[in-house]
C-alpha cells in the first residue's frame, strides 16, 4: 500500500491509481523490476533499455545520492539529528531482524522520492524502473496490470557467487569495528528483505523470477521482456 505523506501523528491516506499525481503519464506507463539485492536487476534493466530504446531508472543510484539529501532534511523535520547513524549501531549492534524491519518501514517514504524522480521524466516509450525499494505492495496500487512488474530474487547459491565475484559486495563500508559481523548482518538483512518481497509479490499476483545463475543476463532479460511484452515497443534493431 502506498501512502500520501502527511505530518505525524495524523493517519496516512492510501494513494490509488485514480488519485495518483502523474502529470506526464510516466508512472502509469512505467515497467517495474523489484526484488532482492544481487539478483541482476540493474543489468536486466540496462539490457532492455538498449534493446527496446527505453529509459532506465536505477533506484539505488538516486537513493545513495539525491535521496540522501532528502533523508537528512526529513530527519531534521522530525526533530532528529541530521548526522548519519553510528555505523556500529547500524551494522554491528543491531540484529538482522531489526535491520530488516527498519528497512521495510522506511521504504514507503523512499518510494515517494523515487516517484518524484519518475514524475520528472517524459519519454515516448515506457520508463523501466528497477530497485529493491520499488516494493510490490507499493507499486501494485498504481499499475493497471501485474504484467507491468516482476520481482527478481537470487538463490542462496547465486547470492554467494555474486559475493565472490563482485568486489562492491564484499564488505560493509563506513569504518565499523567488526567488519565480519557487519557483513553477516547485512547479508541476512538482505535475505529477509528479499523474502518479504517474494511473499508480497505472491500475495499480489506479481511474477517472481528466481535467479540461480544457470542462465546468463541476456537470457534473464529475454524472460523479463516476454513478461513485459504487451507494453514494449518493437526492439531497436541496431541495438539487438
Protein backbone atom coordinates (compact mmCIF):
# COMPACT_ATOMS: atom_id res chain seq x y z
CA UNK A 1 0.00 0.00 0.00
CA UNK A 2 1.27 3.48 -0.90
CA UNK A 3 0.55 6.31 1.47
CA UNK A 4 0.44 10.02 0.84
CA UNK A 5 2.95 11.82 3.02
CA UNK A 6 1.43 13.66 5.93
CA UNK A 7 2.78 15.04 9.16
CA UNK A 8 2.69 12.72 12.14
CA UNK A 9 0.62 11.72 14.07
CA UNK A 10 -2.23 12.11 11.56
CA UNK A 11 -3.22 8.91 9.72
CA UNK A 12 -1.85 8.43 6.23
CA UNK A 13 -4.20 8.38 3.28
CA UNK A 14 -3.85 5.48 0.85
CA UNK A 15 -2.96 6.50 -2.71
CA UNK A 16 -4.64 4.65 -5.56
CA UNK A 17 -4.12 4.69 -9.30
CA UNK A 18 -7.10 7.02 -9.69
CA UNK A 19 -5.77 9.81 -7.48
CA UNK A 20 -2.04 9.36 -8.14
CA UNK A 21 -0.41 12.60 -9.27
CA UNK A 22 1.14 11.69 -12.60
CA UNK A 23 1.39 14.91 -14.66
CA UNK A 24 3.01 13.35 -17.75
CA UNK A 25 1.62 9.82 -17.51
CA UNK A 26 5.09 8.45 -16.79
CA UNK A 27 4.12 6.44 -13.72
CA UNK A 28 1.11 4.78 -15.30
CA UNK A 29 3.18 3.64 -18.28
CA UNK A 30 6.24 2.53 -16.32
CA UNK A 31 7.56 -1.02 -16.07
CA UNK A 32 8.93 -2.13 -12.73
CA UNK A 33 11.65 -4.57 -11.63
CA UNK A 34 11.89 -5.18 -7.89
CA UNK A 35 13.38 -7.92 -5.77
CA UNK A 36 16.44 -8.85 -3.78
CA UNK A 37 19.94 -7.48 -3.78
CA UNK A 38 22.42 -9.01 -6.27
CA UNK A 39 19.76 -10.59 -8.49
CA UNK A 40 20.87 -8.69 -11.61
CA UNK A 41 18.02 -6.16 -11.72
CA UNK A 42 20.20 -3.28 -12.92
CA UNK A 43 21.84 -5.39 -15.61
CA UNK A 44 18.49 -6.61 -16.94
CA UNK A 45 17.08 -3.08 -16.96
CA UNK A 46 20.07 -1.80 -18.93
CA UNK A 47 19.82 -4.63 -21.44
CA UNK A 48 16.13 -3.94 -22.00
CA UNK A 49 16.76 -0.20 -22.23
CA UNK A 50 19.26 -0.73 -25.06
CA UNK A 51 17.21 -3.41 -26.78
CA UNK A 52 13.92 -1.50 -26.81
CA UNK A 53 15.03 2.12 -26.56
CA UNK A 54 13.62 2.55 -23.06
CA UNK A 55 14.64 4.98 -20.35
CA UNK A 56 16.10 3.12 -17.35
CA UNK A 57 15.74 4.43 -13.79
CA UNK A 58 18.16 2.95 -11.26
CA UNK A 59 16.75 3.32 -7.76
CA UNK A 60 19.97 2.58 -5.88
CA UNK A 61 21.88 5.33 -7.71
CA UNK A 62 19.39 8.00 -6.67
CA UNK A 63 18.82 6.55 -3.21
CA UNK A 64 22.52 6.88 -2.39
CA UNK A 65 22.82 10.41 -3.79
CA UNK A 66 19.99 12.92 -4.17
CA UNK A 67 17.68 10.99 -1.87
CA UNK A 68 20.26 11.14 0.89
CA UNK A 69 19.82 14.91 1.00
CA UNK A 70 16.08 14.40 1.38
CA UNK A 71 16.75 11.81 4.09
CA UNK A 72 18.79 14.35 6.06
CA UNK A 73 16.12 17.02 5.61
CA UNK A 74 13.46 14.60 6.81
CA UNK A 75 15.45 13.78 9.95
CA UNK A 76 15.69 17.49 10.72
CA UNK A 77 11.96 17.93 10.11
CA UNK A 78 11.24 15.11 12.57
CA UNK A 79 13.49 16.72 15.19
CA UNK A 80 16.25 14.16 14.79
CA UNK A 81 19.97 14.68 14.35
CA UNK A 82 20.95 15.39 10.74
CA UNK A 83 24.03 13.20 11.14
CA UNK A 84 24.05 9.66 9.80
CA UNK A 85 23.55 6.97 12.44
CA UNK A 86 26.66 5.47 14.02
CA UNK A 87 27.95 2.71 11.69
CA UNK A 88 28.32 0.23 14.54
CA UNK A 89 24.75 0.86 15.63
CA UNK A 90 23.55 0.33 12.07
CA UNK A 91 25.58 -2.72 11.10
CA UNK A 92 27.13 -4.37 14.17
CA UNK A 93 24.95 -3.86 17.25
CA UNK A 94 21.57 -4.29 15.56
CA UNK A 95 20.14 -7.71 14.72
CA UNK A 96 19.38 -8.58 11.09
CA UNK A 97 15.71 -8.85 12.02
CA UNK A 98 15.74 -5.31 13.42
CA UNK A 99 17.66 -4.09 10.38
CA UNK A 100 15.15 -5.67 8.01
CA UNK A 101 12.20 -4.23 9.93
CA UNK A 102 13.73 -0.75 9.82
CA UNK A 103 14.44 -1.05 6.10
CA UNK A 104 10.90 -2.15 5.33
CA UNK A 105 9.47 0.62 7.49
CA UNK A 106 11.46 3.22 5.56
CA UNK A 107 10.58 2.02 2.06
CA UNK A 108 7.25 3.90 1.68
CA UNK A 109 8.86 7.32 2.18
CA UNK A 110 11.79 6.41 -0.05
CA UNK A 111 9.33 5.20 -2.69
CA UNK A 112 7.68 8.62 -2.75
CA UNK A 113 11.07 10.14 -3.53
CA UNK A 114 11.50 7.70 -6.40
CA UNK A 115 8.07 8.65 -7.72
CA UNK A 116 9.11 12.30 -7.66
CA UNK A 117 12.13 11.43 -9.80
CA UNK A 118 9.99 9.48 -12.25
CA UNK A 119 7.41 12.26 -12.49
CA UNK A 120 10.14 14.49 -13.92
CA UNK A 121 10.77 12.13 -16.84
CA UNK A 122 8.94 12.38 -20.15
CA UNK A 123 9.55 9.60 -22.63
CA UNK A 124 7.89 8.44 -25.81
CA UNK A 125 8.48 4.89 -24.60
CA UNK A 126 7.94 3.37 -21.16
CA UNK A 127 10.39 4.02 -18.37
CA UNK A 128 11.78 0.84 -16.82
CA UNK A 129 12.40 1.39 -13.11
CA UNK A 130 14.46 -1.07 -11.10
CA UNK A 131 15.48 -1.33 -7.49
CA UNK A 132 14.89 -3.20 -4.27
CA UNK A 133 12.91 -0.29 -2.81
CA UNK A 134 10.27 -0.45 -5.54
CA UNK A 135 8.27 -2.87 -3.45
CA UNK A 136 5.37 -4.94 -4.82
CA UNK A 137 2.97 -3.62 -2.17
CA UNK A 138 3.91 -0.05 -3.10
CA UNK A 139 3.80 -0.45 -6.87
CA UNK A 140 0.71 -2.67 -7.14
CA UNK A 141 -1.84 0.07 -6.34
CA UNK A 142 -0.62 2.28 -9.20
CA UNK A 143 -0.34 -0.24 -12.04
CA UNK A 144 -3.17 -1.44 -14.26
CA UNK A 145 -1.84 -4.99 -14.58
CA UNK A 146 0.57 -7.26 -12.68
CA UNK A 147 2.36 -7.75 -16.01
CA UNK A 148 3.88 -4.30 -15.55
CA UNK A 149 6.02 -5.65 -12.71
CA UNK A 150 8.38 -8.50 -11.98
CA UNK A 151 10.31 -9.44 -8.84
CA UNK A 152 13.80 -10.92 -9.25
CA UNK A 153 15.42 -12.75 -6.33
CA UNK A 154 18.72 -14.65 -6.16
CA UNK A 155 19.01 -18.14 -4.77
CA UNK A 156 21.36 -18.52 -1.83
CA UNK A 157 23.94 -20.14 -4.11
CA UNK A 158 23.78 -17.32 -6.66
CA UNK A 159 23.97 -14.70 -3.90
CA UNK A 160 27.16 -16.35 -2.63
CA UNK A 161 28.56 -16.39 -6.16
CA UNK A 162 27.85 -12.67 -6.53
CA UNK A 163 29.64 -12.03 -3.25
CA UNK A 164 32.71 -13.81 -4.57
CA UNK A 165 32.73 -12.12 -7.97
CA UNK A 166 31.53 -8.56 -7.32
CA UNK A 167 34.04 -6.50 -5.30
CA UNK A 168 31.42 -3.99 -4.15
CA UNK A 169 29.53 -6.73 -2.28
CA UNK A 170 32.48 -7.91 -0.22
CA UNK A 171 32.38 -5.65 2.83
CA UNK A 172 30.35 -3.04 4.65
CA UNK A 173 31.91 0.39 4.25
CA UNK A 174 31.84 3.05 6.93
CA UNK A 175 34.50 2.19 9.49
CA UNK A 176 32.71 -0.44 11.57
CA UNK A 177 34.52 -2.08 14.49
CA UNK A 178 33.66 -5.63 13.41
CA UNK A 179 33.55 -5.85 9.59
CA UNK A 180 32.85 -9.59 9.52
CA UNK A 181 29.84 -9.33 11.81
CA UNK A 182 28.61 -6.27 9.94
CA UNK A 183 28.78 -8.19 6.67
CA UNK A 184 26.95 -11.20 8.14
CA UNK A 185 24.23 -8.92 9.48
CA UNK A 186 23.92 -7.13 6.17
CA UNK A 187 23.61 -10.33 4.16
CA UNK A 188 20.99 -11.76 6.50
CA UNK A 189 19.08 -8.48 6.38
CA UNK A 190 19.16 -8.59 2.58
CA UNK A 191 17.83 -12.15 2.62
CA UNK A 192 14.97 -11.22 4.96
CA UNK A 193 14.03 -8.20 2.85
CA UNK A 194 14.12 -10.30 -0.33
CA UNK A 195 11.94 -12.98 1.28
CA UNK A 196 9.45 -10.28 2.21
CA UNK A 197 9.35 -9.07 -1.40
CA UNK A 198 8.59 -12.61 -2.58
CA UNK A 199 5.74 -13.03 -0.09
CA UNK A 200 4.30 -9.66 -1.07
CA UNK A 201 4.55 -10.42 -4.78
CA UNK A 202 2.91 -13.81 -4.39
CA UNK A 203 0.08 -12.28 -2.38
CA UNK A 204 -0.50 -9.66 -5.08
CA UNK A 205 -0.19 -12.00 -8.07
CA UNK A 206 3.07 -10.45 -9.29
CA UNK A 207 5.54 -12.72 -11.05
CA UNK A 208 8.67 -13.82 -9.18
CA UNK A 209 11.78 -14.87 -11.13
CA UNK A 210 14.35 -16.83 -9.15
CA UNK A 211 17.87 -16.24 -10.44
CA UNK A 212 20.16 -19.20 -9.84
CA UNK A 213 22.98 -18.47 -12.29
CA UNK A 214 22.05 -21.24 -14.71
CA UNK A 215 21.11 -18.62 -17.32
CA UNK A 216 23.13 -15.56 -18.26
CA UNK A 217 21.90 -11.98 -18.04
CA UNK A 218 20.65 -11.76 -21.66
CA UNK A 219 18.58 -14.91 -21.12
CA UNK A 220 17.02 -13.49 -17.95
CA UNK A 221 16.40 -10.21 -19.79
CA UNK A 222 14.57 -12.15 -22.50
CA UNK A 223 12.32 -13.74 -19.87
CA UNK A 224 11.55 -10.33 -18.40
CA UNK A 225 10.95 -8.88 -21.88
CA UNK A 226 8.44 -11.63 -22.61
CA UNK A 227 6.65 -10.80 -19.36
CA UNK A 228 6.54 -7.09 -20.28
CA UNK A 229 5.65 -7.92 -23.89
CA UNK A 230 2.27 -6.14 -24.13
CA UNK A 231 3.90 -2.84 -23.16
CA UNK A 232 7.19 -2.97 -25.06
CA UNK A 233 7.75 -1.24 -28.40
CA UNK A 234 9.43 -3.10 -31.26
CA UNK A 235 13.11 -3.68 -30.49
CA UNK A 236 15.71 -1.32 -31.89
CA UNK A 237 17.42 -3.50 -34.50
CA UNK A 238 20.69 -1.60 -34.31
CA UNK A 239 20.90 -2.43 -30.60
CA UNK A 240 19.98 -6.09 -30.99
